[in-house]
C-alpha atoms as a PDB file:
ATOM      1  CA  MET A   1      93.614  76.659  73.733  1.00  0.00           C
ATOM      2  CA  ASN A   2      93.327  78.655  76.943  1.00  0.00           C
ATOM      3  CA  SER A   3      90.507  77.873  79.337  1.00  0.00           C
ATOM      4  CA  ASP A   4      88.612  81.192  79.034  1.00  0.00           C
ATOM      5  CA  MET A   5      88.213  80.908  75.272  1.00  0.00           C
ATOM      6  CA  ARG A   6      87.284  77.235  75.527  1.00  0.00           C
ATOM      7  CA  ILE A   7      84.593  78.023  78.111  1.00  0.00           C
ATOM      8  CA  LEU A   8      83.172  80.768  75.894  1.00  0.00           C
ATOM      9  CA  LEU A   9      83.027  78.463  72.864  1.00  0.00           C
ATOM     10  CA  GLU A  10      81.442  75.680  74.892  1.00  0.00           C
ATOM     11  CA  ARG A  11      78.781  78.106  76.146  1.00  0.00           C
ATOM     12  CA  VAL A  12      78.052  79.051  72.534  1.00  0.00           C
ATOM     13  CA  ARG A  13      77.716  75.363  71.640  1.00  0.00           C
ATOM     14  CA  SER A  14      75.365  74.731  74.562  1.00  0.00           C
ATOM     15  CA  GLY A  15      73.240  77.754  73.690  1.00  0.00           C
ATOM     16  CA  ASP A  16      73.994  79.680  76.888  1.00  0.00           C
ATOM     17  CA  VAL A  17      75.682  82.455  74.891  1.00  0.00           C
ATOM     18  CA  SER A  18      74.581  83.670  71.485  1.00  0.00           C
ATOM     19  CA  VAL A  19      76.984  83.908  68.577  1.00  0.00           C
ATOM     20  CA  ASP A  20      76.532  87.691  68.522  1.00  0.00           C
ATOM     21  CA  ASP A  21      77.340  88.027  72.238  1.00  0.00           C
ATOM     22  CA  ALA A  22      80.420  85.846  71.818  1.00  0.00           C
ATOM     23  CA  MET A  23      81.560  87.944  68.868  1.00  0.00           C
ATOM     24  CA  MET A  24      81.115  91.070  70.969  1.00  0.00           C
ATOM     25  CA  GLN A  25      83.330  89.635  73.713  1.00  0.00           C
ATOM     26  CA  MET A  26      85.997  88.717  71.165  1.00  0.00           C
ATOM     27  CA  LYS A  27      85.866  92.170  69.563  1.00  0.00           C
ATOM     28  CA  THR A  28      86.619  94.004  72.807  1.00  0.00           C
ATOM     29  CA  ALA A  29      89.630  96.268  72.307  1.00  0.00           C
ATOM     30  CA  PRO A  30      92.815  94.219  72.825  1.00  0.00           C
ATOM     31  CA  PHE A  31      94.356  96.938  74.970  1.00  0.00           C
ATOM     32  CA  GLU A  32      93.441 100.143  76.754  1.00  0.00           C
ATOM     33  CA  ASP A  33      95.658 103.215  76.472  1.00  0.00           C
ATOM     34  CA  ILE A  34      95.760 105.053  79.809  1.00  0.00           C
ATOM     35  CA  GLY A  35      98.525 107.445  78.808  1.00  0.00           C
ATOM     36  CA  TYR A  36     101.504 106.014  80.669  1.00  0.00           C
ATOM     37  CA  ALA A  37     100.627 102.389  79.829  1.00  0.00           C
ATOM     38  CA  LYS A  38      98.838 100.379  77.182  1.00  0.00           C
ATOM     39  CA  VAL A  39      97.211  97.668  79.277  1.00  0.00           C
ATOM     40  CA  ASP A  40      97.053  94.344  77.421  1.00  0.00           C
ATOM     41  CA  LEU A  41      93.501  93.041  77.845  1.00  0.00           C
ATOM     42  CA  HIS A  42      93.801  90.054  75.496  1.00  0.00           C
ATOM     43  CA  ARG A  43      96.853  88.391  76.988  1.00  0.00           C
ATOM     44  CA  ARG A  44      94.711  85.839  78.776  1.00  0.00           C
ATOM     45  CA  VAL A  45      93.014  84.998  75.479  1.00  0.00           C
ATOM     46  CA  ARG A  46      96.369  84.591  73.723  1.00  0.00           C
ATOM     47  CA  GLN A  47      98.426  82.977  76.466  1.00  0.00           C
ATOM     48  CA  GLY A  48      96.030  81.704  79.101  1.00  0.00           C
ATOM     49  CA  ALA A  49      97.251  84.124  81.796  1.00  0.00           C
ATOM     50  CA  ALA A  50      96.600  87.829  82.213  1.00  0.00           C
ATOM     51  CA  GLU A  51      99.254  90.527  82.047  1.00  0.00           C
ATOM     52  CA  VAL A  52     101.510  90.733  85.103  1.00  0.00           C
ATOM     53  CA  ILE A  53     102.567  94.164  86.362  1.00  0.00           C
ATOM     54  CA  TYR A  54     106.310  94.734  86.767  1.00  0.00           C
ATOM     55  CA  GLY A  55     106.370  97.219  89.623  1.00  0.00           C
ATOM     56  CA  ALA A  56     109.985  98.421  89.550  1.00  0.00           C
ATOM     57  CA  GLY A  57     110.286 101.828  87.909  1.00  0.00           C
ATOM     58  CA  LYS A  58     106.556 102.542  88.144  1.00  0.00           C
ATOM     59  CA  THR A  59     105.079 105.034  90.571  1.00  0.00           C
ATOM     60  CA  PRO A  60     102.487 103.835  93.102  1.00  0.00           C
ATOM     61  CA  GLU A  61      99.896 105.880  91.225  1.00  0.00           C
ATOM     62  CA  GLN A  62     100.752 104.183  87.930  1.00  0.00           C
ATOM     63  CA  ILE A  63     100.531 100.713  89.472  1.00  0.00           C
ATOM     64  CA  LEU A  64      97.126 101.514  90.963  1.00  0.00           C
ATOM     65  CA  GLY A  65      95.892 102.871  87.635  1.00  0.00           C
ATOM     66  CA  ILE A  66      96.942  99.733  85.774  1.00  0.00           C
ATOM     67  CA  VAL A  67      95.330  97.469  88.378  1.00  0.00           C
ATOM     68  CA  LYS A  68      92.062  99.405  88.222  1.00  0.00           C
ATOM     69  CA  THR A  69      92.077  99.247  84.421  1.00  0.00           C
ATOM     70  CA  MET A  70      92.514  95.492  84.532  1.00  0.00           C
ATOM     71  CA  GLN A  71      89.750  95.112  87.116  1.00  0.00           C
ATOM     72  CA  LYS A  72      87.402  97.316  85.092  1.00  0.00           C
ATOM     73  CA  ASN A  73      87.898  94.953  82.168  1.00  0.00           C
ATOM     74  CA  GLY A  74      87.057  91.806  84.113  1.00  0.00           C
ATOM     75  CA  GLN A  75      90.445  90.799  85.497  1.00  0.00           C
ATOM     76  CA  GLY A  76      89.722  89.798  89.083  1.00  0.00           C
ATOM     77  CA  ARG A  77      93.219  88.582  89.974  1.00  0.00           C
ATOM     78  CA  VAL A  78      96.318  90.719  89.412  1.00  0.00           C
ATOM     79  CA  LEU A  79      99.956  89.858  90.147  1.00  0.00           C
ATOM     80  CA  ILE A  80     102.473  92.647  90.770  1.00  0.00           C
ATOM     81  CA  THR A  81     106.186  91.789  90.903  1.00  0.00           C
ATOM     82  CA  ARG A  82     109.129  93.863  92.215  1.00  0.00           C
ATOM     83  CA  MET A  83     106.712  95.989  94.200  1.00  0.00           C
ATOM     84  CA  SER A  84     108.118  98.369  96.796  1.00  0.00           C
ATOM     85  CA  ARG A  85     106.707  98.773 100.290  1.00  0.00           C
ATOM     86  CA  GLU A  86     105.789 102.368  99.396  1.00  0.00           C
ATOM     87  CA  ALA A  87     103.760 101.218  96.411  1.00  0.00           C
ATOM     88  CA  ALA A  88     102.166  98.412  98.433  1.00  0.00           C
ATOM     89  CA  ASP A  89     101.056 100.841 101.139  1.00  0.00           C
ATOM     90  CA  TYR A  90      99.561 103.183  98.539  1.00  0.00           C
ATOM     91  CA  VAL A  91      97.723 100.497  96.567  1.00  0.00           C
ATOM     92  CA  GLY A  92      96.713  98.620  99.714  1.00  0.00           C
ATOM     93  CA  ALA A  93      95.022 101.726 101.097  1.00  0.00           C
ATOM     94  CA  GLN A  94      92.586 101.671  98.160  1.00  0.00           C
ATOM     95  CA  LEU A  95      92.347  98.003  97.185  1.00  0.00           C
ATOM     96  CA  GLU A  96      92.529  94.692  98.997  1.00  0.00           C
ATOM     97  CA  LEU A  97      96.173  93.757  98.487  1.00  0.00           C
ATOM     98  CA  ASP A  98      98.164  90.821  99.832  1.00  0.00           C
ATOM     99  CA  TYR A  99     101.782  92.016  99.960  1.00  0.00           C
ATOM    100  CA  HIS A 100     104.785  89.725 100.470  1.00  0.00           C
ATOM    101  CA  GLU A 101     107.679  92.000 101.314  1.00  0.00           C
ATOM    102  CA  ASP A 102     110.409  89.345 101.163  1.00  0.00           C
ATOM    103  CA  ALA A 103     109.488  88.512  97.567  1.00  0.00           C
ATOM    104  CA  ARG A 104     108.362  92.063  96.707  1.00  0.00           C
ATOM    105  CA  VAL A 105     105.162  90.580  95.300  1.00  0.00           C
ATOM    106  CA  GLY A 106     101.670  92.015  95.550  1.00  0.00           C
ATOM    107  CA  LEU A 107      98.508  90.010  94.882  1.00  0.00           C
ATOM    108  CA  VAL A 108      95.060  91.398  94.230  1.00  0.00           C
ATOM    109  CA  GLY A 109      92.308  88.792  94.245  1.00  0.00           C
ATOM    110  CA  GLY A 110      94.117  86.103  96.222  1.00  0.00           C
ATOM    111  CA  ILE A 111      95.449  82.665  95.310  1.00  0.00           C
ATOM    112  CA  PRO A 112      93.171  80.427  93.193  1.00  0.00           C
ATOM    113  CA  GLN A 113      92.559  76.748  93.755  1.00  0.00           C
ATOM    114  CA  ALA A 114      95.311  74.678  92.179  1.00  0.00           C
ATOM    115  CA  THR A 115      94.384  73.212  88.787  1.00  0.00           C
ATOM    116  CA  GLY A 116      97.695  71.871  87.485  1.00  0.00           C
ATOM    117  CA  ILE A 117      98.457  68.282  86.554  1.00  0.00           C
ATOM    118  CA  GLY A 118     100.924  67.890  89.409  1.00  0.00           C
ATOM    119  CA  LYS A 119     103.222  69.785  91.741  1.00  0.00           C
ATOM    120  CA  VAL A 120     105.851  72.449  91.232  1.00  0.00           C
ATOM    121  CA  VAL A 121     108.772  71.802  93.597  1.00  0.00           C
ATOM    122  CA  ILE A 122     110.981  74.796  94.412  1.00  0.00           C
ATOM    123  CA  ALA A 123     114.386  74.062  95.931  1.00  0.00           C
ATOM    124  CA  THR A 124     116.934  76.619  97.117  1.00  0.00           C
ATOM    125  CA  GLY A 125     120.594  76.235  97.841  1.00  0.00           C
ATOM    126  CA  GLY A 126     120.382  78.420 100.935  1.00  0.00           C
ATOM    127  CA  THR A 127     118.166  80.613 103.057  1.00  0.00           C
ATOM    128  CA  SER A 128     119.539  83.701 101.301  1.00  0.00           C
ATOM    129  CA  ASP A 129     117.896  82.498  98.068  1.00  0.00           C
ATOM    130  CA  ILE A 130     114.405  82.492  99.586  1.00  0.00           C
ATOM    131  CA  PRO A 131     113.312  85.955  98.331  1.00  0.00           C
ATOM    132  CA  VAL A 132     113.813  84.818  94.712  1.00  0.00           C
ATOM    133  CA  ALA A 133     112.191  81.473  95.519  1.00  0.00           C
ATOM    134  CA  GLU A 134     109.143  83.168  96.999  1.00  0.00           C
ATOM    135  CA  GLU A 135     108.738  85.295  93.880  1.00  0.00           C
ATOM    136  CA  ALA A 136     108.724  82.063  91.876  1.00  0.00           C
ATOM    137  CA  ALA A 137     106.393  80.289  94.296  1.00  0.00           C
ATOM    138  CA  LEU A 138     103.840  83.109  94.503  1.00  0.00           C
ATOM    139  CA  THR A 139     103.871  83.495  90.726  1.00  0.00           C
ATOM    140  CA  ALA A 140     103.145  79.813  90.161  1.00  0.00           C
ATOM    141  CA  GLU A 141     100.503  79.737  92.906  1.00  0.00           C
ATOM    142  CA  SER A 142      98.744  82.850  91.607  1.00  0.00           C
ATOM    143  CA  LEU A 143      98.470  81.158  88.208  1.00  0.00           C
ATOM    144  CA  GLY A 144      96.944  77.983  89.632  1.00  0.00           C
ATOM    145  CA  SER A 145      99.787  75.598  90.492  1.00  0.00           C
ATOM    146  CA  GLU A 146     100.363  73.675  93.684  1.00  0.00           C
ATOM    147  CA  VAL A 147     103.823  74.519  95.032  1.00  0.00           C
ATOM    148  CA  VAL A 148     106.061  72.551  97.394  1.00  0.00           C
ATOM    149  CA  ARG A 149     108.918  74.482  98.994  1.00  0.00           C
ATOM    150  CA  LEU A 150     112.268  72.829  99.763  1.00  0.00           C
ATOM    151  CA  TYR A 151     114.439  75.582 101.175  1.00  0.00           C
ATOM    152  CA  ASP A 152     118.100  75.418 102.246  1.00  0.00           C
ATOM    153  CA  VAL A 153     118.965  72.080 100.613  1.00  0.00           C
ATOM    154  CA  GLY A 154     122.205  73.107  98.907  1.00  0.00           C
ATOM    155  CA  VAL A 155     125.074  70.864  97.893  1.00  0.00           C
ATOM    156  CA  SER A 156     127.254  71.780 100.879  1.00  0.00           C
ATOM    157  CA  GLY A 157     124.926  69.435 102.767  1.00  0.00           C
ATOM    158  CA  VAL A 158     123.496  67.332  99.972  1.00  0.00           C
ATOM    159  CA  HIS A 159     121.938  64.867 102.413  1.00  0.00           C
ATOM    160  CA  ARG A 160     119.297  67.519 103.085  1.00  0.00           C
ATOM    161  CA  LEU A 161     118.186  67.314  99.452  1.00  0.00           C
ATOM    162  CA  LEU A 162     118.424  63.521  99.290  1.00  0.00           C
ATOM    163  CA  SER A 163     116.085  63.201 102.271  1.00  0.00           C
ATOM    164  CA  HIS A 164     113.305  64.564 100.019  1.00  0.00           C
ATOM    165  CA  MET A 165     113.693  62.181  97.074  1.00  0.00           C
ATOM    166  CA  ASP A 166     109.977  61.355  97.164  1.00  0.00           C
ATOM    167  CA  LEU A 167     109.150  64.990  96.392  1.00  0.00           C
ATOM    168  CA  ILE A 168     111.922  65.286  93.789  1.00  0.00           C
ATOM    169  CA  MET A 169     110.774  62.185  91.926  1.00  0.00           C
ATOM    170  CA  GLY A 170     107.089  63.070  92.209  1.00  0.00           C
ATOM    171  CA  ALA A 171     107.334  66.593  90.807  1.00  0.00           C
ATOM    172  CA  THR A 172     105.943  67.712  87.472  1.00  0.00           C
ATOM    173  CA  VAL A 173     108.605  70.414  87.246  1.00  0.00           C
ATOM    174  CA  ILE A 174     111.352  71.581  89.609  1.00  0.00           C
ATOM    175  CA  ILE A 175     112.770  75.064  90.071  1.00  0.00           C
ATOM    176  CA  ALA A 176     116.338  74.952  91.408  1.00  0.00           C
ATOM    177  CA  ILE A 177     117.476  78.282  92.832  1.00  0.00           C
ATOM    178  CA  ALA A 178     121.050  78.936  93.945  1.00  0.00           C
ATOM    179  CA  GLY A 179     123.806  81.509  94.044  1.00  0.00           C
ATOM    180  CA  MET A 180     127.575  81.125  94.525  1.00  0.00           C
ATOM    181  CA  GLU A 181     128.622  78.281  92.169  1.00  0.00           C
ATOM    182  CA  GLY A 182     125.032  77.311  91.309  1.00  0.00           C
ATOM    183  CA  ALA A 183     125.662  73.564  91.613  1.00  0.00           C
ATOM    184  CA  LEU A 184     122.193  72.730  92.916  1.00  0.00           C
ATOM    185  CA  ALA A 185     120.654  72.736  89.430  1.00  0.00           C
ATOM    186  CA  SER A 186     123.022  70.046  88.147  1.00  0.00           C
ATOM    187  CA  VAL A 187     122.471  67.858  91.196  1.00  0.00           C
ATOM    188  CA  VAL A 188     118.684  68.141  90.923  1.00  0.00           C
ATOM    189  CA  GLY A 189     118.871  67.627  87.165  1.00  0.00           C
ATOM    190  CA  GLY A 190     120.785  64.408  87.705  1.00  0.00           C
ATOM    191  CA  LEU A 191     118.135  63.063  90.081  1.00  0.00           C
ATOM    192  CA  ALA A 192     114.802  64.163  88.610  1.00  0.00           C
ATOM    193  CA  ASP A 193     112.832  62.733  85.672  1.00  0.00           C
ATOM    194  CA  CYS A 194     111.026  66.032  84.988  1.00  0.00           C
ATOM    195  CA  PRO A 195     112.057  69.422  83.557  1.00  0.00           C
ATOM    196  CA  VAL A 196     114.314  71.499  85.822  1.00  0.00           C
ATOM    197  CA  ILE A 197     114.312  75.292  85.644  1.00  0.00           C
ATOM    198  CA  ALA A 198     117.527  76.751  87.064  1.00  0.00           C
ATOM    199  CA  VAL A 199     117.552  80.229  88.594  1.00  0.00           C
ATOM    200  CA  PRO A 200     120.933  81.769  89.383  1.00  0.00           C
ATOM    201  CA  THR A 201     120.836  84.319  92.190  1.00  0.00           C
ATOM    202  CA  SER A 202     123.091  87.256  93.011  1.00  0.00           C
ATOM    203  CA  VAL A 203     123.939  85.660  96.365  1.00  0.00           C
ATOM    204  CA  GLY A 204     127.663  85.120  96.923  1.00  0.00           C
ATOM    205  CA  TYR A 205     131.041  86.706  97.579  1.00  0.00           C
ATOM    206  CA  GLY A 206     132.943  89.001  95.231  1.00  0.00           C
ATOM    207  CA  ALA A 207     134.046  86.492  92.603  1.00  0.00           C
ATOM    208  CA  SER A 208     130.445  85.391  92.088  1.00  0.00           C
ATOM    209  CA  PHE A 209     130.085  88.633  90.097  1.00  0.00           C
ATOM    210  CA  GLY A 210     126.524  89.318  91.230  1.00  0.00           C
ATOM    211  CA  GLY A 211     125.233  85.959  90.022  1.00  0.00           C
ATOM    212  CA  VAL A 212     127.189  85.660  86.772  1.00  0.00           C
ATOM    213  CA  SER A 213     129.222  82.754  88.164  1.00  0.00           C
ATOM    214  CA  ALA A 214     126.058  80.801  89.028  1.00  0.00           C
ATOM    215  CA  LEU A 215     124.515  81.722  85.673  1.00  0.00           C
ATOM    216  CA  LEU A 216     127.476  80.357  83.718  1.00  0.00           C
ATOM    217  CA  SER A 217     127.626  77.206  85.859  1.00  0.00           C
ATOM    218  CA  MET A 218     123.950  76.512  85.249  1.00  0.00           C
ATOM    219  CA  LEU A 219     124.263  77.187  81.523  1.00  0.00           C
ATOM    220  CA  ASN A 220     127.097  74.664  81.416  1.00  0.00           C
ATOM    221  CA  SER A 221     125.246  72.025  83.441  1.00  0.00           C
ATOM    222  CA  CYS A 222     126.063  68.462  82.417  1.00  0.00           C
ATOM    223  CA  ALA A 223     122.611  67.266  83.518  1.00  0.00           C
ATOM    224  CA  SER A 224     120.015  66.796  80.793  1.00  0.00           C
ATOM    225  CA  GLY A 225     116.702  68.590  81.004  1.00  0.00           C
ATOM    226  CA  VAL A 226     117.990  71.726  82.750  1.00  0.00           C
ATOM    227  CA  SER A 227     117.025  75.133  81.363  1.00  0.00           C
ATOM    228  CA  VAL A 228     118.120  78.476  82.795  1.00  0.00           C
ATOM    229  CA  VAL A 229     116.413  81.827  83.311  1.00  0.00           C
ATOM    230  CA  ASN A 230     118.092  85.131  84.113  1.00  0.00           C
ATOM    231  CA  ILE A 231     119.734  86.109  87.403  1.00  0.00           C
ATOM    232  CA  ASP A 232     117.191  86.526  90.236  1.00  0.00           C
ATOM    233  CA  ASN A 233     114.309  85.959  87.788  1.00  0.00           C
ATOM    234  CA  GLY A 234     111.979  84.088  90.120  1.00  0.00           C
ATOM    235  CA  PHE A 235     108.967  85.356  88.207  1.00  0.00           C
ATOM    236  CA  GLY A 236     110.162  83.934  84.895  1.00  0.00           C
ATOM    237  CA  ALA A 237     110.842  80.560  86.489  1.00  0.00           C
ATOM    238  CA  GLY A 238     107.486  80.456  88.273  1.00  0.00           C
ATOM    239  CA  TYR A 239     105.583  81.432  85.136  1.00  0.00           C
ATOM    240  CA  LEU A 240     107.315  78.803  83.000  1.00  0.00           C
ATOM    241  CA  ALA A 241     106.872  76.129  85.684  1.00  0.00           C
ATOM    242  CA  ASN A 242     103.155  76.861  85.771  1.00  0.00           C
ATOM    243  CA  MET A 243     102.917  76.505  81.985  1.00  0.00           C
ATOM    244  CA  ILE A 244     104.626  73.116  82.164  1.00  0.00           C
ATOM    245  CA  ASN A 245     102.345  72.094  85.030  1.00  0.00           C
ATOM    246  CA  HIS A 246      99.295  72.857  82.880  1.00  0.00           C
ATOM    247  CA  MET A 247     100.429  71.105  79.710  1.00  0.00           C
ATOM    248  CA  GLU A 248      97.936  68.633  78.258  1.00  0.00           C
ATOM    249  CA  VAL A 249      98.285  65.978  75.606  1.00  0.00           C
ATOM    250  CA  PRO A 250      96.806  67.465  72.378  1.00  0.00           C
ATOM    251  CA  LYS A 251      93.342  66.063  71.625  1.00  0.00           C
END
């Protein structure tokens, strides 16, 4: 059960909130239709994390409208992915926005204190993979995970990765991000005793086919415990890593 609903039920049990008030909070409309978007207001109740805004394809005005709708309904922290500089300038002129241009990520409400059971380690094959890695890192951090970055530790110089075995073995979950042949995920998967989320990137020369080569290599990994998200999908990897980092033994 997600933390918000648990807190509400515990407040009912302690007498701080009446049953009627709790029912009223639960009956709040699950979404708000603002014409160009139906903003999901119950996603945190269902999944434990609020809706994330995918900025690509949306106008700056639409992004601002969605953010304001979420804030009006009690969402203090909003994550915006694939956000352009134009949109960031527009939204930032009216709201307090922390924009990370390399990752194309915008944050309203800042980064919360980490609450996960351990650490999310993010490793990249090269420096060129960092924009995707930062999208993953900022996503996980905005959802409450502690993130450790290990950048430029690809297999062409595997000693760089092996010098951080303490972090690899101490992670709760690892995100392995690489383009070209995508071998990093298999190497990490063969070393770690935790789940590994592989992210193929579109980095590479012509025959890498915009990341398809890395995607197929990662899908065919011989290492156990490796799962793969889509090409350049740092957000998906960061979100899943955060979920794993907040798993609890059922009571």
